[in-house]
Amino acid sequence: MISGATSLKEQKKEEVSRVGLLQEILRRMEHNYLAWQQKGVKGILEKWREYSLTLGKRVKVYCQKEHIEGEAVNIDIDGGLLIRKDSGVIKKVMAGDVVHCR
């Protein structure tokens, strides 16, 4: 696990072309944009779920007005994080600081 600041050069143990990296980021953004145009948000949503390190984990979410604790169970169509509280109630969170519990 990485802690503190690092760099791509340090992590890859080799030089990284900034131009090549930018080109690859733009290619992937275009690919995802085209997928969104063809399939709507559902195509992108599956990728969000697949790549999420939060789903299935116990979390605390610090929102402006409340703190929510429970299991992160899904990401909904609006991009909100769905959290199942210990009471079984599912809360949708659109913004907040998410902390993984141990």
Protein backbone atom coordinates (compact mmCIF):
# COMPACT_ATOMS: atom_id res chain seq x y z
CA MET A 1 0.00 0.00 0.00
CA ILE A 2 1.22 3.46 -0.90
CA SER A 3 1.35 6.03 1.86
CA GLY A 4 2.26 9.66 1.40
CA ALA A 5 3.23 11.37 -1.82
CA THR A 6 4.67 9.41 -4.72
CA SER A 7 5.15 9.70 -8.46
CA LEU A 8 4.49 7.57 -11.52
CA LYS A 9 8.25 7.29 -12.09
CA GLU A 10 8.72 6.02 -8.55
CA GLN A 11 5.85 3.52 -8.81
CA LYS A 12 6.71 2.21 -12.29
CA LYS A 13 10.49 2.33 -11.72
CA GLU A 14 10.85 4.02 -15.13
CA GLU A 15 10.24 7.33 -16.87
CA VAL A 16 6.64 8.06 -17.88
CA SER A 17 5.90 10.15 -20.94
CA ARG A 18 3.57 12.97 -19.91
CA VAL A 19 2.38 13.33 -23.52
CA GLY A 20 1.76 9.58 -23.84
CA LEU A 21 -0.06 9.53 -20.50
CA LEU A 22 -2.27 12.45 -21.53
CA GLN A 23 -3.03 10.80 -24.88
CA GLU A 24 -4.08 7.58 -23.13
CA ILE A 25 -6.28 9.45 -20.65
CA LEU A 26 -7.99 11.30 -23.52
CA ARG A 27 -8.47 8.05 -25.48
CA ARG A 28 -10.14 6.42 -22.49
CA MET A 29 -12.30 9.48 -21.84
CA GLU A 30 -13.46 9.42 -25.47
CA HIS A 31 -14.15 5.67 -25.26
CA ASN A 32 -16.26 6.17 -22.13
CA TYR A 33 -18.02 9.18 -23.64
CA LEU A 34 -18.96 7.16 -26.74
CA ALA A 35 -20.17 4.30 -24.54
CA TRP A 36 -22.28 6.79 -22.58
CA GLN A 37 -23.76 8.14 -25.83
CA GLN A 38 -24.68 4.63 -26.99
CA LYS A 39 -25.82 3.01 -23.73
CA GLY A 40 -26.54 5.96 -21.45
CA VAL A 41 -25.34 6.07 -17.89
CA LYS A 42 -25.95 2.33 -17.33
CA GLY A 43 -22.82 1.35 -19.29
CA ILE A 44 -20.63 3.67 -17.25
CA LEU A 45 -22.38 2.78 -14.00
CA GLU A 46 -21.32 -0.86 -14.29
CA LYS A 47 -17.68 0.26 -14.59
CA TRP A 48 -18.05 2.52 -11.54
CA ARG A 49 -19.37 -0.42 -9.55
CA GLU A 50 -16.67 -2.77 -10.83
CA TYR A 51 -13.83 -0.39 -9.96
CA SER A 52 -15.25 0.74 -6.61
CA LEU A 53 -13.11 -0.05 -3.60
CA THR A 54 -15.96 1.04 -1.33
CA LEU A 55 -18.84 -1.27 -2.26
CA GLY A 56 -19.22 -4.11 0.21
CA LYS A 57 -17.22 -2.26 2.87
CA ARG A 58 -18.35 -0.75 6.15
CA VAL A 59 -18.08 3.02 5.90
CA LYS A 60 -18.70 6.24 7.76
CA VAL A 61 -19.84 9.16 5.63
CA TYR A 62 -19.49 12.65 6.99
CA CYS A 63 -22.04 14.95 5.36
CA GLN A 64 -22.73 18.57 6.24
CA LYS A 65 -25.80 17.84 8.34
CA GLU A 66 -25.34 14.23 9.40
CA HIS A 67 -22.97 11.31 9.75
CA ILE A 68 -24.02 7.97 8.31
CA GLU A 69 -22.47 4.62 9.15
CA GLY A 70 -23.18 1.28 7.53
CA GLU A 71 -22.31 -0.95 4.58
CA ALA A 72 -21.84 0.61 1.13
CA VAL A 73 -24.12 -1.62 -0.94
CA ASN A 74 -24.51 0.04 -4.34
CA ILE A 75 -24.17 3.07 -6.57
CA ASP A 76 -27.50 4.24 -7.95
CA ILE A 77 -28.36 5.62 -11.39
CA ASP A 78 -27.67 9.19 -10.19
CA GLY A 79 -24.19 8.25 -8.94
CA GLY A 80 -25.27 8.31 -5.29
CA LEU A 81 -23.69 5.90 -2.84
CA LEU A 82 -26.28 3.65 -1.19
CA ILE A 83 -25.48 2.78 2.40
CA ARG A 84 -27.36 0.17 4.44
CA LYS A 85 -27.42 1.35 8.03
CA ASP A 86 -27.40 -1.18 10.88
CA SER A 87 -31.17 -0.66 11.19
CA GLY A 88 -31.57 -1.97 7.62
CA VAL A 89 -32.59 1.42 6.25
CA ILE A 90 -30.81 2.34 3.01
CA LYS A 91 -29.61 5.94 2.75
CA LYS A 92 -28.49 7.60 -0.47
CA VAL A 93 -25.47 9.91 -0.19
CA MET A 94 -24.64 12.32 -2.98
CA ALA A 95 -21.77 14.19 -1.29
CA GLY A 96 -19.62 13.71 1.77
CA ASP A 97 -16.34 12.39 3.08
CA VAL A 98 -16.28 8.58 3.00
CA VAL A 99 -14.06 6.74 5.46
CA HIS A 100 -13.59 2.96 5.33
CA CYS A 101 -14.02 1.37 8.76
CA ARG A 102 -11.86 -1.50 9.96
